[in-house]
Protein backbone atom coordinates (compact mmCIF):
# COMPACT_ATOMS: atom_id res chain seq x y z
CA MET A 1 -6.18 0.34 13.47
CA GLY A 2 -9.92 0.52 11.65
CA TRP A 3 -12.34 2.62 9.55
CA GLY A 4 -13.55 4.49 11.91
CA PRO A 5 -16.81 4.53 13.98
CA ASN A 6 -18.44 1.83 12.29
CA LEU A 7 -15.15 -0.80 13.21
CA LEU A 8 -14.40 -2.14 16.51
CA THR A 9 -11.39 -4.83 16.55
CA VAL A 10 -10.56 -7.20 18.97
CA GLU A 11 -7.98 -9.42 20.73
CA ALA A 12 -8.94 -12.92 19.34
CA LYS A 13 -5.58 -15.36 19.14
CA THR A 14 -7.33 -18.46 18.86
CA PRO A 15 -9.65 -18.99 15.75
CA ALA A 16 -11.71 -20.56 19.10
CA ARG A 17 -11.22 -17.35 21.37
CA ALA A 18 -12.46 -15.64 17.92
CA LYS A 19 -16.10 -17.83 17.65
CA GLU A 20 -16.42 -17.12 21.23
CA ILE A 21 -15.98 -13.50 20.79
CA ALA A 22 -18.23 -12.78 17.58
CA ALA A 23 -21.20 -15.04 19.78
CA GLN A 24 -21.13 -13.17 22.92
CA LEU A 25 -21.21 -9.27 20.28
CA SER A 26 -23.88 -10.59 18.57
CA GLN A 27 -26.33 -10.07 21.46
CA PHE A 28 -25.12 -5.77 20.68
CA GLY A 29 -25.62 -6.18 16.67
CA PHE A 30 -21.66 -7.30 15.74
CA LYS A 31 -20.74 -8.44 12.98
CA VAL A 32 -17.42 -10.46 11.62
CA VAL A 33 -16.72 -8.18 9.70
CA GLU A 34 -14.50 -10.91 7.01
CA ASN A 35 -10.84 -9.93 6.83
CA GLU A 36 -8.00 -12.50 6.21
CA ASP A 37 -5.65 -10.62 7.43
CA ASN A 38 -6.88 -10.92 10.81
CA SER A 39 -6.31 -14.62 11.39
CA TYR A 40 -2.71 -14.25 11.13
CA ALA A 41 -2.00 -11.41 12.92
CA GLY A 42 -4.20 -12.48 15.85
CA MET A 43 -7.42 -9.78 15.68
CA LEU A 44 -11.42 -9.68 15.26
CA ASP A 45 -13.50 -6.84 12.96
CA LEU A 46 -16.68 -6.86 13.94
CA SER A 47 -19.22 -4.01 13.62
CA ARG A 48 -22.81 -3.11 13.73
CA ASN A 49 -22.58 -2.32 10.37
CA PRO A 50 -20.83 -3.68 8.26
CA GLU A 51 -21.63 -2.82 5.04
CA ALA A 52 -20.78 0.72 5.98
CA VAL A 53 -16.87 -0.66 6.59
CA GLN A 54 -16.79 -2.60 3.47
CA ALA A 55 -18.26 1.05 0.96
CA LYS A 56 -15.64 3.09 2.93
CA ILE A 57 -12.54 0.37 2.10
CA ALA A 58 -14.58 0.39 -1.04
CA SER A 59 -14.08 3.98 -1.56
CA PHE A 60 -10.19 4.44 -0.61
CA ASP A 61 -8.53 5.54 -3.76
CA ILE A 62 -6.37 3.00 -5.24
CA SER A 63 -5.33 4.83 -8.37
CA ARG A 64 -2.39 7.00 -6.39
CA ARG A 65 -0.25 6.14 -3.63
CA ARG A 66 -0.67 7.68 -0.35
CA TRP A 67 0.27 11.56 0.62
CA ASP A 68 2.55 9.70 2.75
CA GLU A 69 4.78 8.42 -0.03
CA GLN A 70 4.39 10.85 -2.52
CA LEU A 71 5.76 13.31 -0.07
CA GLU A 72 9.48 11.37 -0.39
CA PRO A 73 10.73 12.70 -2.84
CA ILE A 74 10.44 16.34 -2.54
CA LEU A 75 12.41 15.48 1.45
CA TRP A 76 15.51 13.73 -0.64
CA GLY A 77 15.00 16.99 -3.16
CA VAL A 78 15.55 19.03 -0.80
CA CYS A 79 18.24 17.77 1.70
CA GLY A 80 20.18 17.19 -1.68
CA ALA A 81 20.08 21.21 -3.63
CA ALA A 82 20.54 22.29 0.37
CA LEU A 83 23.38 20.34 1.29
CA LEU A 84 24.56 20.64 -2.88
CA PHE A 85 24.14 24.65 -2.64
CA HIS A 86 25.79 24.44 1.15
CA GLY A 87 29.11 22.68 -0.23
CA LEU A 88 29.36 24.52 -3.28
CA LYS A 89 29.42 28.10 -1.02
CA GLY A 90 32.52 26.75 0.53
CA GLY A 91 30.83 24.57 3.88
CA ASP A 92 32.03 25.96 7.28
CA ALA A 93 33.98 24.56 10.35
CA ARG A 94 31.76 22.20 11.76
CA ASN A 95 30.90 21.50 8.15
CA PRO A 96 33.25 20.93 5.76
CA PRO A 97 32.81 19.91 1.66
CA SER A 98 34.20 17.43 1.74
CA VAL A 99 31.63 15.99 4.08
CA ILE A 100 28.55 17.69 2.54
CA LEU A 101 29.33 17.35 -0.94
CA PRO A 102 28.62 13.65 -0.39
CA LEU A 103 25.78 13.74 1.33
CA GLY A 104 23.99 16.10 -0.80
CA THR A 105 25.18 14.02 -4.02
CA LEU A 106 23.26 10.93 -1.98
CA SER A 107 19.88 12.87 -1.63
CA ALA A 108 20.49 13.83 -5.14
CA ILE A 109 20.76 10.63 -6.17
CA LEU A 110 17.53 9.43 -4.13
CA PHE A 111 16.06 11.78 -5.57
CA PHE A 112 16.25 10.75 -8.57
CA TRP A 113 15.76 7.35 -8.45
CA ARG A 114 12.79 7.50 -6.29
CA ALA A 115 11.08 9.83 -7.87
CA PRO A 116 9.87 8.09 -10.99
CA VAL A 117 9.25 5.22 -9.10
CA ILE A 118 6.75 7.04 -6.92
CA TRP A 119 4.92 9.75 -8.68
CA GLY A 120 4.97 7.40 -11.99
CA TRP A 121 2.75 4.80 -10.17
CA ARG A 122 -0.86 4.67 -10.75
CA LEU A 123 -3.73 2.53 -11.33
CA GLU A 124 -6.96 2.38 -13.34
CA LEU A 125 -9.31 -0.48 -13.09
CA SER A 126 -10.84 -0.60 -17.04
CA PRO A 127 -13.74 -3.21 -18.19
CA GLU A 128 -11.10 -4.77 -19.86
CA ALA A 129 -7.87 -4.94 -17.96
CA LEU A 130 -5.80 -3.27 -14.98
CA ARG A 131 -3.89 -1.06 -15.94
CA VAL A 132 -0.50 0.10 -14.14
CA ARG A 133 2.17 2.77 -14.97
CA ARG A 134 4.99 1.90 -13.12
CA SER A 135 8.45 4.91 -13.67
CA TYR A 136 6.22 6.65 -15.97
CA ARG A 137 5.30 3.60 -18.50
CA TRP A 138 2.03 1.96 -19.02
CA THR A 139 0.72 -1.45 -18.70
CA SER A 140 -2.04 -3.08 -19.49
CA ILE A 141 -3.05 -6.58 -18.01
CA PRO A 142 -6.48 -7.92 -19.15
CA TRP A 143 -8.66 -9.13 -16.48
CA SER A 144 -9.19 -12.49 -18.29
CA GLN A 145 -5.58 -13.47 -17.41
CA ILE A 146 -4.82 -12.55 -13.69
CA THR A 147 -5.64 -15.70 -11.81
CA ALA A 148 -4.58 -13.90 -7.89
CA VAL A 149 -3.48 -11.11 -6.50
CA ASN A 150 -1.08 -11.57 -2.83
CA THR A 151 1.20 -9.38 -0.65
CA LEU A 152 4.78 -10.09 -0.55
CA GLU A 153 6.53 -8.25 2.65
CA CYS A 154 9.41 -6.82 1.88
CA GLY A 155 10.91 -5.62 5.49
CA ARG A 156 8.14 -2.96 7.06
CA LEU A 157 6.66 -2.76 2.74
CA GLU A 158 4.66 -5.26 1.28
CA SER A 159 4.87 -5.85 -2.70
CA VAL A 160 1.28 -6.48 -4.62
CA VAL A 161 1.90 -9.61 -6.84
CA VAL A 162 -0.79 -10.42 -9.63
CA LYS A 163 -0.26 -13.36 -10.56
CA LEU A 164 -1.38 -14.96 -14.44
CA GLY A 165 -2.21 -18.12 -15.69
CA HIS A 166 0.66 -19.15 -17.90
CA HIS A 167 3.08 -16.10 -17.26
CA SER A 168 5.46 -14.76 -14.88
CA PRO A 169 3.92 -13.16 -11.71
CA GLU A 170 3.96 -9.05 -12.20
CA LYS A 171 4.70 -6.85 -9.53
CA LEU A 172 2.58 -4.20 -9.71
CA GLY A 173 4.80 -2.31 -7.07
CA THR A 174 6.05 -1.62 -3.74
CA PHE A 175 3.89 -0.08 -0.74
CA GLY A 176 3.57 1.08 3.29
CA VAL A 177 1.49 -2.07 4.26
CA PRO A 178 -2.00 -0.95 4.26
CA PHE A 179 -1.69 -0.01 0.59
CA ALA A 180 -1.01 -3.00 0.16
CA ARG A 181 -3.70 -5.10 1.76
CA ILE A 182 -6.55 -2.28 0.76
CA LEU A 183 -4.94 -2.56 -2.51
CA ARG A 184 -4.90 -6.30 -2.80
CA ASP A 185 -7.98 -6.17 -1.26
CA ARG A 186 -9.75 -4.42 -3.97
CA LEU A 187 -8.43 -6.16 -6.59
CA ARG A 188 -9.09 -9.55 -5.27
CA ASP A 189 -12.99 -8.07 -4.68
CA GLU A 190 -12.70 -6.69 -8.80
CA LEU A 191 -11.48 -10.34 -10.12
CA THR A 192 -13.98 -12.57 -8.45
CA ARG A 193 -16.70 -9.55 -9.14
CA ARG A 194 -15.45 -10.21 -13.21
CA GLN A 195 -15.30 -13.80 -12.75
CA ARG A 196 -19.42 -14.35 -11.80
């Protein structure tokens, strides 16, 4: 669950246990790598080179969704096309058109629903604003209006939400948990840097 050879992740279910482990491993040159999710999960990240871990996180590409998420519409599209073709061809005894055509139609609908959500999403960090593209439409959110960046659980996924001063919060998107948390942390770092 770590970021490679520079990170050691251990179980630490209480803050007292985390301090005890950090003190013991500091003798070997390990330092704590701060991560707010660790206390919630009962874990502790340690590294001999915390700067390398932070650099690895900072270099992670947050401008696009992960490649495995980008494959989802392709799978729906291929399944839909194959099922519709097979159903329109007449099917066979085990797979009659009355079963195949509705499944093909459902897969095609899922393709047209998910493709803009996944392929139409991008993120840019400009000097003036956070620019987010959702369903191929760009929105600019000035850094001065952003007060906080949080994640909200959505089943096995998490939504990244930016809180705006006097306006309602803006949802950037819903992603797999690791990507959502990296995106949240990168935006928090960027926000902190700009508020200095």
